[in-house]
C-alpha atoms as a PDB file:
ATOM      1  CA  MET A   1      77.491 126.317  64.833  1.00  0.00           C
ATOM      2  CA  THR A   2      74.533 123.986  65.295  1.00  0.00           C
ATOM      3  CA  ILE A   3      73.216 122.606  68.552  1.00  0.00           C
ATOM      4  CA  VAL A   4      74.672 119.161  67.768  1.00  0.00           C
ATOM      5  CA  GLU A   5      78.155 120.613  67.270  1.00  0.00           C
ATOM      6  CA  MET A   6      77.871 122.559  70.521  1.00  0.00           C
ATOM      7  CA  LEU A   7      76.779 119.414  72.396  1.00  0.00           C
ATOM      8  CA  GLU A   8      79.707 117.463  70.915  1.00  0.00           C
ATOM      9  CA  GLN A   9      82.150 120.184  71.916  1.00  0.00           C
ATOM     10  CA  SER A  10      80.706 120.455  75.412  1.00  0.00           C
ATOM     11  CA  GLY A  11      80.868 116.667  75.816  1.00  0.00           C
ATOM     12  CA  ILE A  12      84.501 116.610  74.739  1.00  0.00           C
ATOM     13  CA  LEU A  13      85.364 119.451  77.113  1.00  0.00           C
ATOM     14  CA  THR A  14      83.487 117.752  79.961  1.00  0.00           C
ATOM     15  CA  PHE A  15      85.322 114.445  79.551  1.00  0.00           C
ATOM     16  CA  PHE A  16      88.629 116.249  79.118  1.00  0.00           C
ATOM     17  CA  GLY A  17      88.014 118.216  82.330  1.00  0.00           C
ATOM     18  CA  ILE A  18      87.013 115.095  84.241  1.00  0.00           C
ATOM     19  CA  GLY A  19      90.131 113.330  82.943  1.00  0.00           C
ATOM     20  CA  VAL A  20      92.414 116.168  84.035  1.00  0.00           C
ATOM     21  CA  VAL A  21      90.887 116.249  87.531  1.00  0.00           C
ATOM     22  CA  PHE A  22      91.065 112.458  87.837  1.00  0.00           C
ATOM     23  CA  ALA A  23      94.725 112.422  86.734  1.00  0.00           C
ATOM     24  CA  PHE A  24      95.541 115.187  89.220  1.00  0.00           C
ATOM     25  CA  LEU A  25      93.859 113.258  92.040  1.00  0.00           C
ATOM     26  CA  ILE A  26      95.786 110.084  91.187  1.00  0.00           C
ATOM     27  CA  ILE A  27      99.084 111.992  91.161  1.00  0.00           C
ATOM     28  CA  MET A  28      98.197 113.669  94.460  1.00  0.00           C
ATOM     29  CA  VAL A  29      97.389 110.307  96.116  1.00  0.00           C
ATOM     30  CA  ILE A  30     100.707 108.849  94.915  1.00  0.00           C
ATOM     31  CA  ILE A  31     102.677 111.833  96.228  1.00  0.00           C
ATOM     32  CA  ILE A  32     100.903 111.829  99.593  1.00  0.00           C
ATOM     33  CA  SER A  33     101.389 108.063  99.984  1.00  0.00           C
ATOM     34  CA  ALA A  34     105.093 108.337  99.176  1.00  0.00           C
ATOM     35  CA  ALA A  35     105.525 111.213 101.628  1.00  0.00           C
ATOM     36  CA  GLY A  36     103.628 109.283 104.317  1.00  0.00           C
ATOM     37  CA  ASN A  37     105.845 106.232 103.832  1.00  0.00           C
ATOM     38  CA  ALA A  38     108.976 108.380 104.022  1.00  0.00           C
ATOM     39  CA  PHE A  39     107.832 110.101 107.211  1.00  0.00           C
ATOM     40  CA  ARG A  40     106.738 106.790 108.750  1.00  0.00           C
ATOM     41  CA  ALA A  41     110.131 105.214 108.016  1.00  0.00           C
ATOM     42  CA  ALA A  42     111.998 108.187 109.477  1.00  0.00           C
ATOM     43  CA  ASP A  43     109.700 108.294 112.496  1.00  0.00           C
ATOM     44  CA  SER A  44     110.025 104.555 113.233  1.00  0.00           C
ATOM     45  CA  ASP A  45     113.796 104.898 113.571  1.00  0.00           C
ATOM     46  CA  LYS A  46     113.291 107.755 116.015  1.00  0.00           C
ATOM     47  CA  VAL A  47     110.676 105.797 118.008  1.00  0.00           C
ATOM     48  CA  VAL A  48     113.006 102.813 118.378  1.00  0.00           C
ATOM     49  CA  ALA A  49     115.848 105.065 119.511  1.00  0.00           C
ATOM     50  CA  ASP A  50     113.543 106.836 121.988  1.00  0.00           C
ATOM     51  CA  LYS A  51     112.331 103.497 123.393  1.00  0.00           C
ATOM     52  CA  LEU A  52     115.875 102.264 123.886  1.00  0.00           C
ATOM     53  CA  ALA A  53     116.833 105.514 125.591  1.00  0.00           C
ATOM     54  CA  ALA A  54     113.804 105.291 127.902  1.00  0.00           C
ATOM     55  CA  GLU A  55     114.575 101.671 128.803  1.00  0.00           C
ATOM     56  CA  LYS A  56     118.168 102.580 129.488  1.00  0.00           C
ATOM     57  CA  ALA A  57     117.033 105.420 131.757  1.00  0.00           C
ATOM     58  CA  VAL A  58     114.669 103.121 133.689  1.00  0.00           C
ATOM     59  CA  TYR A  59     116.799  99.996 133.903  1.00  0.00           C
ATOM     60  CA  GLY A  60     120.265 101.518 133.749  1.00  0.00           C
ATOM     61  CA  SER A  61     121.000  99.365 130.708  1.00  0.00           C
ATOM     62  CA  SER A  62     118.984  97.286 128.295  1.00  0.00           C
ATOM     63  CA  PRO A  63     116.268  95.304 130.110  1.00  0.00           C
ATOM     64  CA  VAL A  64     117.581  91.872 129.138  1.00  0.00           C
ATOM     65  CA  THR A  65     121.287  91.354 129.548  1.00  0.00           C
ATOM     66  CA  THR A  66     123.547  88.368 130.011  1.00  0.00           C
ATOM     67  CA  ASN A  67     123.635  89.122 133.759  1.00  0.00           C
ATOM     68  CA  SER A  68     119.869  88.741 134.097  1.00  0.00           C
ATOM     69  CA  ALA A  69     119.825  84.932 133.728  1.00  0.00           C
ATOM     70  CA  PRO A  70     119.806  84.296 137.533  1.00  0.00           C
ATOM     71  CA  ILE A  71     116.980  86.807 137.942  1.00  0.00           C
ATOM     72  CA  ILE A  72     114.931  85.113 135.220  1.00  0.00           C
ATOM     73  CA  ALA A  73     115.551  81.715 136.856  1.00  0.00           C
ATOM     74  CA  ALA A  74     114.433  83.030 140.259  1.00  0.00           C
ATOM     75  CA  ILE A  75     111.253  84.541 138.802  1.00  0.00           C
ATOM     76  CA  THR A  76     110.481  81.300 136.946  1.00  0.00           C
ATOM     77  CA  ALA A  77     110.969  79.260 140.126  1.00  0.00           C
ATOM     78  CA  ALA A  78     108.733  81.633 142.110  1.00  0.00           C
ATOM     79  CA  VAL A  79     105.947  81.455 139.528  1.00  0.00           C
ATOM     80  CA  GLY A  80     106.199  77.640 139.448  1.00  0.00           C
ATOM     81  CA  ALA A  81     106.005  77.438 143.236  1.00  0.00           C
ATOM     82  CA  TYR A  82     103.008  79.766 143.279  1.00  0.00           C
ATOM     83  CA  ARG A  83     101.166  77.677 140.706  1.00  0.00           C
ATOM     84  CA  LYS A  84     101.867  74.446 142.630  1.00  0.00           C
ATOM     85  CA  SER A  85     100.523  75.928 145.877  1.00  0.00           C
ATOM     86  CA  GLY A  86      97.091  76.213 144.255  1.00  0.00           C
ATOM     87  CA  ASN A  87      96.494  79.905 144.827  1.00  0.00           C
END
């Protein structure tokens, strides 16, 4: 085996090795991204449910209900009166 043949073989093995590592890294990135998206989707449902439960614990029910229209009107009138007074 001559030096040229050994260099050819080592070049082929080098590029093959680099290709295998590169392919493995691409597959690993795809798997990790898919797992991250799955966990994020599952976690977002839990976060929304936890937020609603916390709001219900604080307010007794959801923060905006059909019964809160008079309260919203009173707050709007108070803010308008405050702005007109110039303070």
